[in-house]
């Protein structure tokens, strides 16, 4: 009878050991999966295609007026520029947001309003492929005589 008791205890100990081992292996597997999911992606080179070369050379978006870091004395002015065909332009000002489509030559114009003091204008061009180029203009509007 004692022999049967020992066999039961050994069987229970083996079962508990297998159960603990399965829990540990499951935890290791979950931790490995979580680390792989949150692994930092490998950085891509700055120039990966012709599209990226265009964006890096700032040929995708050109602001012709106003000039960056200008001081202006009017609260409204025309923002003009050029971009590639088939793009959309967003303009974010201190007061407003605009979405415009350039003309058939890629030129665009939008009247924008400024607030007194420093104005940060962000102009972004989006291509149908999802590429974007962004330009930031810093303008200062003052009512003082210059």
Protein backbone atom coordinates (compact mmCIF):
# COMPACT_ATOMS: atom_id res chain seq x y z
CA UNK A 1 0.00 0.00 0.00
CA UNK A 2 2.84 2.32 0.77
CA UNK A 3 4.27 1.53 -2.64
CA UNK A 4 1.03 2.72 -4.26
CA UNK A 5 1.11 5.95 -2.20
CA UNK A 6 4.64 6.71 -3.42
CA UNK A 7 3.63 6.11 -7.05
CA UNK A 8 0.72 8.54 -6.68
CA UNK A 9 2.97 11.20 -5.14
CA UNK A 10 5.51 10.77 -7.93
CA UNK A 11 2.78 10.97 -10.55
CA UNK A 12 1.38 14.16 -8.99
CA UNK A 13 4.88 15.68 -8.76
CA UNK A 14 5.58 14.86 -12.42
CA UNK A 15 2.23 16.32 -13.47
CA UNK A 16 2.84 19.53 -11.48
CA UNK A 17 6.36 19.79 -12.97
CA UNK A 18 4.99 19.44 -16.50
CA UNK A 19 2.33 22.04 -15.76
CA UNK A 20 4.92 24.51 -14.40
CA UNK A 21 7.19 23.85 -17.40
CA UNK A 22 4.33 24.51 -19.82
CA UNK A 23 3.51 27.79 -18.07
CA UNK A 24 7.18 28.90 -18.23
CA UNK A 25 7.52 27.99 -21.92
CA UNK A 26 4.24 29.78 -22.68
CA UNK A 27 5.51 32.90 -20.88
CA UNK A 28 8.79 32.83 -22.80
CA UNK A 29 6.92 32.47 -26.10
CA UNK A 30 4.59 35.39 -25.28
CA UNK A 31 7.49 37.59 -24.21
CA UNK A 32 9.37 36.80 -27.43
CA UNK A 33 6.29 37.59 -29.53
CA UNK A 34 5.72 40.88 -27.71
CA UNK A 35 9.35 41.92 -28.19
CA UNK A 36 9.21 41.16 -31.91
CA UNK A 37 6.00 43.16 -32.27
CA UNK A 38 7.53 46.19 -30.58
CA UNK A 39 10.95 45.94 -32.16
CA UNK A 40 12.16 49.24 -33.63
CA UNK A 41 12.02 49.09 -37.42
CA UNK A 42 15.28 49.20 -39.30
CA UNK A 43 15.92 52.77 -40.41
CA UNK A 44 15.51 53.28 -44.12
CA UNK A 45 18.10 55.22 -46.06
CA UNK A 46 17.30 58.86 -46.81
CA UNK A 47 17.33 58.31 -50.54
CA UNK A 48 15.41 55.18 -51.48
CA UNK A 49 13.79 56.09 -54.78
CA UNK A 50 13.41 58.83 -57.36
CA UNK A 51 10.33 60.08 -55.47
CA UNK A 52 12.35 60.48 -52.31
CA UNK A 53 15.12 62.28 -54.19
CA UNK A 54 12.56 64.78 -55.45
CA UNK A 55 11.19 65.30 -51.94
CA UNK A 56 14.67 65.66 -50.45
CA UNK A 57 15.65 68.24 -53.06
CA UNK A 58 12.49 70.24 -52.21
CA UNK A 59 11.30 70.14 -55.83
CA UNK A 60 7.93 68.80 -54.77
CA UNK A 61 6.91 72.09 -53.15
CA UNK A 62 8.12 75.64 -53.67
CA UNK A 63 6.71 78.70 -51.92
CA UNK A 64 7.25 81.82 -54.03
CA UNK A 65 5.50 84.37 -51.81
CA UNK A 66 5.72 85.46 -49.02
CA UNK A 67 9.39 85.10 -48.17
CA UNK A 68 10.20 83.12 -45.02
CA UNK A 69 11.05 85.22 -41.92
CA UNK A 70 9.36 88.33 -43.37
CA UNK A 71 7.82 91.16 -41.37
CA UNK A 72 4.51 92.27 -42.90
CA UNK A 73 2.15 95.14 -42.12
CA UNK A 74 -1.10 93.69 -43.50
CA UNK A 75 -3.24 91.07 -41.81
CA UNK A 76 -4.13 89.33 -45.10
CA UNK A 77 -1.75 88.23 -47.81
CA UNK A 78 -1.54 85.92 -50.80
CA UNK A 79 0.46 82.73 -50.33
CA UNK A 80 1.64 81.47 -53.73
CA UNK A 81 3.72 78.54 -54.80
CA UNK A 82 4.19 75.62 -57.13
CA UNK A 83 4.17 71.85 -56.81
CA UNK A 84 3.90 68.74 -58.94
CA UNK A 85 0.71 67.94 -60.81
CA UNK A 86 -2.00 65.83 -59.18
CA UNK A 87 -1.17 66.88 -55.63
CA UNK A 88 -3.19 68.39 -52.82
CA UNK A 89 -1.99 71.29 -50.70
CA UNK A 90 -2.84 71.93 -47.07
CA UNK A 91 -2.07 75.25 -45.44
CA UNK A 92 -2.23 75.56 -41.66
CA UNK A 93 -2.15 79.08 -40.21
CA UNK A 94 -2.63 80.39 -36.69
CA UNK A 95 -6.32 81.03 -37.52
CA UNK A 96 -7.36 78.74 -40.37
CA UNK A 97 -6.82 75.53 -42.29
CA UNK A 98 -7.04 75.34 -46.08
CA UNK A 99 -7.09 72.43 -48.51
CA UNK A 100 -6.51 73.44 -52.10
CA UNK A 101 -5.82 71.80 -55.45
CA UNK A 102 -3.14 73.37 -57.67
CA UNK A 103 -4.05 74.37 -61.22
CA UNK A 104 -3.11 72.33 -64.31
CA UNK A 105 0.43 73.77 -64.20
CA UNK A 106 0.96 72.95 -60.52
CA UNK A 107 0.64 76.57 -59.32
CA UNK A 108 -1.48 77.56 -56.33
CA UNK A 109 -2.57 80.74 -54.57
CA UNK A 110 -4.45 81.17 -51.30
CA UNK A 111 -5.29 84.30 -49.34
CA UNK A 112 -4.42 83.76 -45.68
CA UNK A 113 -5.12 85.79 -42.55
CA UNK A 114 -2.44 86.53 -39.98
CA UNK A 115 -2.60 87.22 -36.25
CA UNK A 116 -0.57 90.00 -34.65
CA UNK A 117 2.91 88.86 -33.79
CA UNK A 118 4.56 85.64 -34.92
CA UNK A 119 2.71 83.43 -37.40
CA UNK A 120 3.85 79.93 -38.23
CA UNK A 121 2.44 78.79 -41.58
CA UNK A 122 2.79 75.10 -42.48
CA UNK A 123 2.30 74.23 -46.16
CA UNK A 124 2.18 70.54 -47.07
CA UNK A 125 1.96 68.91 -50.50
CA UNK A 126 0.52 65.38 -50.75
CA UNK A 127 0.89 63.14 -53.81
CA UNK A 128 -1.66 60.43 -54.69
CA UNK A 129 1.00 57.85 -53.71
CA UNK A 130 1.06 59.22 -50.16
CA UNK A 131 4.38 61.09 -50.37
CA UNK A 132 4.42 64.46 -48.68
CA UNK A 133 6.65 67.49 -48.54
CA UNK A 134 6.28 70.15 -45.89
CA UNK A 135 7.50 73.75 -45.74
CA UNK A 136 7.22 76.03 -42.73
CA UNK A 137 7.11 79.80 -43.06
CA UNK A 138 7.67 82.15 -40.15
CA UNK A 139 6.03 85.54 -40.63
CA UNK A 140 5.66 88.45 -38.26
CA UNK A 141 2.60 90.68 -38.60
CA UNK A 142 2.86 94.12 -37.05
CA UNK A 143 0.58 97.13 -37.26
CA UNK A 144 3.47 99.46 -36.48
CA UNK A 145 4.87 101.75 -39.17
CA UNK A 146 8.10 100.36 -40.53
